[in-house]
Amino acid sequence: MQFLGIDFGWRSQPSGLCCLRWQENKLHLQDLRRLDAVADILAWVDAQTESDAPALIAVDAPTLIPNATGMRLPDRLTHQHFGKYHAGCYPANLNRPFADRTVGLGLSLEARGFLHAPTIAPQTLGRYQIEVFPHPATVNLFGLDRILKYKKGRLADRAAELLKLRSLILDVLPQLEPSLQITEADLPEIPRTGTALKNLEDRLDSLICAYVAAHWWYWGLNRNLVLGDATEGYIVVPLAIAPSSAPTPKMLF
């Protein structure tokens, strides 16, 4: 089973891409890159999942948008449940300039057999796609009291926040279940320029997306939260939970 993370460029900007492979009861980093064109992204997906290989793709973008105006249900729910962490997501509707691009990506993945999976039987092989949002995922996975603010602000501040994210990936994800086997050598160092910093930001966000895909496949609703549903759009977020706990499955509407 493979887990692909796509930190999708909603307009025309590049997208971060990550592939994790489940092997010998561990996750292993297979690829971490950034690509520009949607056609190249889909070609990358095809290369990682050739011969109809089972995989789960987690996309940071609104691939299901049923509403012509306003805000989707999952967008409202991120503000309701994660607003205090500064992790409410950007509102999506069909009149937004990015809608055709993001919905189109979801449809292209469906055409490849990746069906939306707002519910899943844990550890069942198949070809699935889900929508994710890295900010609330990192809040819960890493026990943060607010998001890491590496997207805006002074270059030095962004670099410091991105360094925290890199360190948490290396220190925490190997300790969780499923465990990600990763070392310092697998991740680039924090760069000094804004352009290079954005490049790394996109790739690390895609790694978080891929890990959320694996967490969803491994645990399903036992240790994940689903904000919304397949009709109104949904976002999958790992629960903030100690490994020994026994959570109640949740879907929020």
Protein backbone atom coordinates (compact mmCIF):
# COMPACT_ATOMS: atom_id res chain seq x y z
CA MET A 1 0.00 0.00 0.00
CA GLN A 2 1.22 3.49 -0.85
CA PHE A 3 0.21 6.86 0.51
CA LEU A 4 0.50 9.94 -1.66
CA GLY A 5 0.30 13.48 -0.37
CA ILE A 6 -0.47 16.37 -2.72
CA ASP A 7 -0.12 19.89 -1.36
CA PHE A 8 -1.94 21.21 -4.40
CA GLY A 9 -1.36 24.64 -5.90
CA TRP A 10 -4.91 26.00 -5.97
CA ARG A 11 -4.20 28.44 -8.78
CA SER A 12 -1.14 28.02 -10.99
CA GLN A 13 1.61 27.70 -8.38
CA PRO A 14 3.65 24.50 -7.92
CA SER A 15 2.45 21.58 -5.81
CA GLY A 16 4.35 19.59 -3.19
CA LEU A 17 4.28 15.81 -3.66
CA CYS A 18 5.16 12.98 -1.28
CA CYS A 19 4.95 9.20 -1.53
CA LEU A 20 5.16 6.93 1.52
CA ARG A 21 5.26 3.15 1.19
CA TRP A 22 3.88 0.72 3.79
CA GLN A 23 6.41 -2.06 4.12
CA GLU A 24 7.20 -4.42 7.01
CA ASN A 25 4.71 -2.60 9.25
CA LYS A 26 6.46 0.75 8.81
CA LEU A 27 6.08 3.77 6.56
CA HIS A 28 9.07 4.58 4.38
CA LEU A 29 9.68 7.78 2.43
CA GLN A 30 9.84 6.99 -1.30
CA ASP A 31 9.69 10.40 -2.96
CA LEU A 32 9.47 14.07 -2.00
CA ARG A 33 9.36 16.70 -4.73
CA ARG A 34 7.53 19.65 -6.25
CA LEU A 35 5.95 19.92 -9.70
CA ASP A 36 4.17 22.69 -11.60
CA ALA A 37 1.70 21.43 -14.20
CA VAL A 38 -1.36 19.37 -13.32
CA ALA A 39 -0.46 16.98 -16.16
CA ASP A 40 2.93 16.38 -14.54
CA ILE A 41 1.31 15.79 -11.16
CA LEU A 42 -1.03 13.20 -12.65
CA ALA A 43 1.87 11.56 -14.48
CA TRP A 44 3.67 11.34 -11.12
CA VAL A 45 0.59 9.72 -9.56
CA ASP A 46 0.48 7.22 -12.42
CA ALA A 47 4.17 6.39 -11.99
CA GLN A 48 3.80 5.83 -8.24
CA THR A 49 0.67 3.67 -8.61
CA GLU A 50 1.29 1.79 -11.86
CA SER A 51 -0.55 -1.46 -12.60
CA ASP A 52 -3.51 -0.34 -10.49
CA ALA A 53 -1.47 -0.57 -7.28
CA PRO A 54 -3.45 0.09 -4.09
CA ALA A 55 -2.93 3.60 -2.77
CA LEU A 56 -4.58 6.36 -0.80
CA ILE A 57 -4.10 9.94 -1.99
CA ALA A 58 -4.55 12.85 0.41
CA VAL A 59 -5.04 16.23 -1.26
CA ASP A 60 -4.74 19.60 0.44
CA ALA A 61 -7.35 21.30 -1.75
CA PRO A 62 -11.17 21.38 -2.02
CA THR A 63 -11.81 18.63 -4.56
CA LEU A 64 -15.54 18.40 -3.68
CA ILE A 65 -17.35 21.74 -3.90
CA PRO A 66 -21.16 21.41 -4.01
CA ASN A 67 -22.01 25.03 -3.11
CA ALA A 68 -22.21 27.87 -5.64
CA THR A 69 -21.55 30.56 -3.03
CA GLY A 70 -20.54 30.93 0.59
CA MET A 71 -18.57 28.39 2.58
CA ARG A 72 -18.61 24.59 2.52
CA LEU A 73 -19.62 22.59 5.59
CA PRO A 74 -16.06 21.30 6.23
CA ASP A 75 -14.68 24.83 5.96
CA ARG A 76 -17.11 26.02 8.65
CA LEU A 77 -16.24 23.06 10.84
CA THR A 78 -12.51 23.75 10.70
CA HIS A 79 -13.20 27.23 12.05
CA GLN A 80 -15.54 25.83 14.70
CA HIS A 81 -13.16 23.16 15.98
CA PHE A 82 -9.72 24.55 15.11
CA GLY A 83 -10.22 28.32 14.91
CA LYS A 84 -8.69 28.78 18.36
CA TYR A 85 -5.49 27.25 16.96
CA HIS A 86 -5.61 29.64 13.95
CA ALA A 87 -6.35 26.59 11.78
CA GLY A 88 -9.60 27.52 10.05
CA CYS A 89 -9.39 26.89 6.32
CA TYR A 90 -10.01 29.17 3.34
CA PRO A 91 -13.65 29.09 2.14
CA ALA A 92 -14.40 27.30 -1.10
CA ASN A 93 -17.32 27.66 -3.50
CA LEU A 94 -17.86 27.18 -7.22
CA ASN A 95 -17.47 30.88 -7.94
CA ARG A 96 -13.92 30.97 -6.62
CA PRO A 97 -11.25 31.22 -9.35
CA PHE A 98 -9.56 28.02 -8.14
CA ALA A 99 -12.70 25.83 -8.18
CA ASP A 100 -12.34 24.36 -11.68
CA ARG A 101 -8.71 23.47 -11.01
CA THR A 102 -9.20 21.81 -7.62
CA VAL A 103 -12.41 19.97 -8.53
CA GLY A 104 -10.78 18.93 -11.79
CA LEU A 105 -7.92 17.27 -9.91
CA GLY A 106 -10.38 15.24 -7.85
CA LEU A 107 -12.23 14.14 -10.99
CA SER A 108 -8.95 13.17 -12.67
CA LEU A 109 -8.08 11.02 -9.65
CA GLU A 110 -11.55 9.44 -9.72
CA ALA A 111 -11.01 8.56 -13.39
CA ARG A 112 -7.92 6.64 -12.25
CA GLY A 113 -9.98 4.64 -9.77
CA PHE A 114 -9.27 6.71 -6.65
CA LEU A 115 -12.70 7.01 -5.04
CA HIS A 116 -13.54 9.45 -2.28
CA ALA A 117 -13.32 7.74 1.11
CA PRO A 118 -14.94 9.80 3.90
CA THR A 119 -15.46 6.41 5.54
CA ILE A 120 -13.11 3.46 5.31
CA ALA A 121 -12.63 -0.03 6.75
CA PRO A 122 -9.18 0.22 8.35
CA GLN A 123 -6.29 -1.45 6.52
CA THR A 124 -8.38 -2.43 3.51
CA LEU A 125 -6.46 -2.40 0.24
CA GLY A 126 -7.90 -0.23 -2.50
CA ARG A 127 -7.57 3.03 -4.40
CA TYR A 128 -8.91 5.99 -2.46
CA GLN A 129 -8.67 9.76 -2.22
CA ILE A 130 -9.45 12.11 0.66
CA GLU A 131 -9.24 15.84 1.34
CA VAL A 132 -6.94 16.91 4.16
CA PHE A 133 -5.67 20.15 5.70
CA PRO A 134 -2.13 20.16 7.16
CA HIS A 135 -2.67 22.87 9.80
CA PRO A 136 -5.25 21.07 12.02
CA ALA A 137 -3.42 17.80 11.34
CA THR A 138 -0.18 19.18 12.78
CA VAL A 139 -2.04 20.70 15.74
CA ASN A 140 -3.37 17.27 16.70
CA LEU A 141 -0.43 15.10 15.69
CA PHE A 142 2.13 17.28 17.46
CA GLY A 143 0.04 18.60 20.36
CA LEU A 144 0.43 22.26 19.34
CA ASP A 145 -1.37 25.14 21.03
CA ARG A 146 -1.44 27.01 17.70
CA ILE A 147 -0.39 26.35 14.12
CA LEU A 148 3.22 26.76 13.02
CA LYS A 149 3.17 30.05 11.11
CA TYR A 150 5.64 29.37 8.30
CA LYS A 151 3.49 30.71 5.45
CA LYS A 152 3.53 34.45 6.16
CA GLY A 153 5.71 37.03 7.88
CA ARG A 154 9.40 37.86 7.98
CA LEU A 155 11.72 35.39 6.32
CA ALA A 156 13.58 34.65 9.55
CA ASP A 157 10.33 33.95 11.41
CA ARG A 158 9.04 31.67 8.65
CA ALA A 159 12.33 29.78 8.58
CA ALA A 160 12.22 29.30 12.37
CA GLU A 161 8.66 27.93 12.20
CA LEU A 162 9.54 25.65 9.28
CA LEU A 163 12.51 24.35 11.28
CA LYS A 164 10.07 23.45 14.08
CA LEU A 165 7.91 21.53 11.58
CA ARG A 166 10.93 19.68 10.20
CA SER A 167 12.07 18.77 13.72
CA LEU A 168 8.60 17.55 14.74
CA ILE A 169 8.37 15.36 11.64
CA LEU A 170 11.72 13.78 12.52
CA ASP A 171 11.07 13.44 16.25
CA VAL A 172 7.36 12.64 16.54
CA LEU A 173 6.17 10.74 13.46
CA PRO A 174 8.57 7.82 14.07
CA GLN A 175 7.02 7.43 17.54
CA LEU A 176 3.41 7.27 16.35
CA GLU A 177 1.43 4.39 14.94
CA PRO A 178 1.76 3.94 12.04
CA SER A 179 5.45 4.77 12.41
CA LEU A 180 7.32 6.74 9.77
CA GLN A 181 10.94 5.67 9.31
CA ILE A 182 12.76 8.88 8.49
CA THR A 183 16.15 10.44 9.20
CA GLU A 184 17.77 13.86 8.97
CA ALA A 185 19.29 12.88 5.64
CA ASP A 186 15.82 12.35 4.14
CA LEU A 187 14.78 16.00 4.53
CA PRO A 188 16.47 19.10 3.12
CA GLU A 189 17.98 21.64 5.48
CA ILE A 190 16.16 24.92 6.04
CA PRO A 191 17.15 27.26 3.16
CA ARG A 192 18.03 30.96 3.40
CA THR A 193 15.97 32.44 0.54
CA GLY A 194 12.23 32.99 0.28
CA THR A 195 11.84 31.02 -2.95
CA ALA A 196 13.69 28.00 -1.59
CA LEU A 197 11.78 28.26 1.68
CA LYS A 198 8.45 28.07 -0.18
CA ASN A 199 9.74 25.05 -2.09
CA LEU A 200 10.53 23.21 1.15
CA GLU A 201 7.26 24.34 2.75
CA ASP A 202 5.25 22.74 -0.07
CA ARG A 203 7.19 19.48 0.20
CA LEU A 204 6.87 19.22 3.99
CA ASP A 205 3.15 19.97 3.77
CA SER A 206 2.82 17.16 1.23
CA LEU A 207 4.59 14.82 3.66
CA ILE A 208 2.03 15.72 6.34
CA CYS A 209 -0.73 15.03 3.80
CA ALA A 210 0.76 11.62 3.01
CA TYR A 211 1.07 10.75 6.69
CA VAL A 212 -2.58 11.71 7.29
CA ALA A 213 -3.50 9.39 4.40
CA ALA A 214 -1.64 6.54 6.12
CA HIS A 215 -3.19 7.38 9.50
CA TRP A 216 -6.68 7.33 7.96
CA TRP A 217 -6.06 3.99 6.25
CA TYR A 218 -4.52 2.45 9.36
CA TRP A 219 -7.11 3.62 11.94
CA GLY A 220 -10.20 4.84 10.07
CA LEU A 221 -12.73 6.51 12.37
CA ASN A 222 -11.13 4.96 15.45
CA ARG A 223 -8.46 7.67 15.59
CA ASN A 224 -9.50 10.23 13.02
CA LEU A 225 -12.07 12.99 12.76
CA VAL A 226 -14.13 13.59 9.61
CA LEU A 227 -15.37 17.13 9.16
CA GLY A 228 -18.34 16.87 6.78
CA ASP A 229 -19.37 14.15 4.35
CA ALA A 230 -19.17 13.10 0.70
CA THR A 231 -22.21 15.21 -0.22
CA GLU A 232 -21.13 18.54 1.23
CA GLY A 233 -17.38 18.00 1.19
CA TYR A 234 -15.20 16.65 3.98
CA ILE A 235 -11.75 16.97 5.56
CA VAL A 236 -10.01 14.15 7.43
CA VAL A 237 -8.04 15.15 10.54
CA PRO A 238 -6.16 12.80 12.93
CA LEU A 239 -7.49 12.89 16.47
CA ALA A 240 -5.30 14.25 19.25
CA ILE A 241 -5.02 11.05 21.25
CA ALA A 242 -2.66 9.04 23.43
CA PRO A 243 -1.75 5.65 21.90
CA SER A 244 -3.37 3.73 24.76
CA SER A 245 -6.71 5.53 24.58
CA ALA A 246 -9.90 4.09 23.18
CA PRO A 247 -11.67 6.90 21.26
CA THR A 248 -15.25 7.13 20.10
CA PRO A 249 -15.54 7.26 16.29
CA LYS A 250 -16.60 10.69 15.06
CA MET A 251 -18.03 12.33 12.00
CA LEU A 252 -19.05 15.97 12.42
CA PHE A 253 -21.83 17.63 10.41
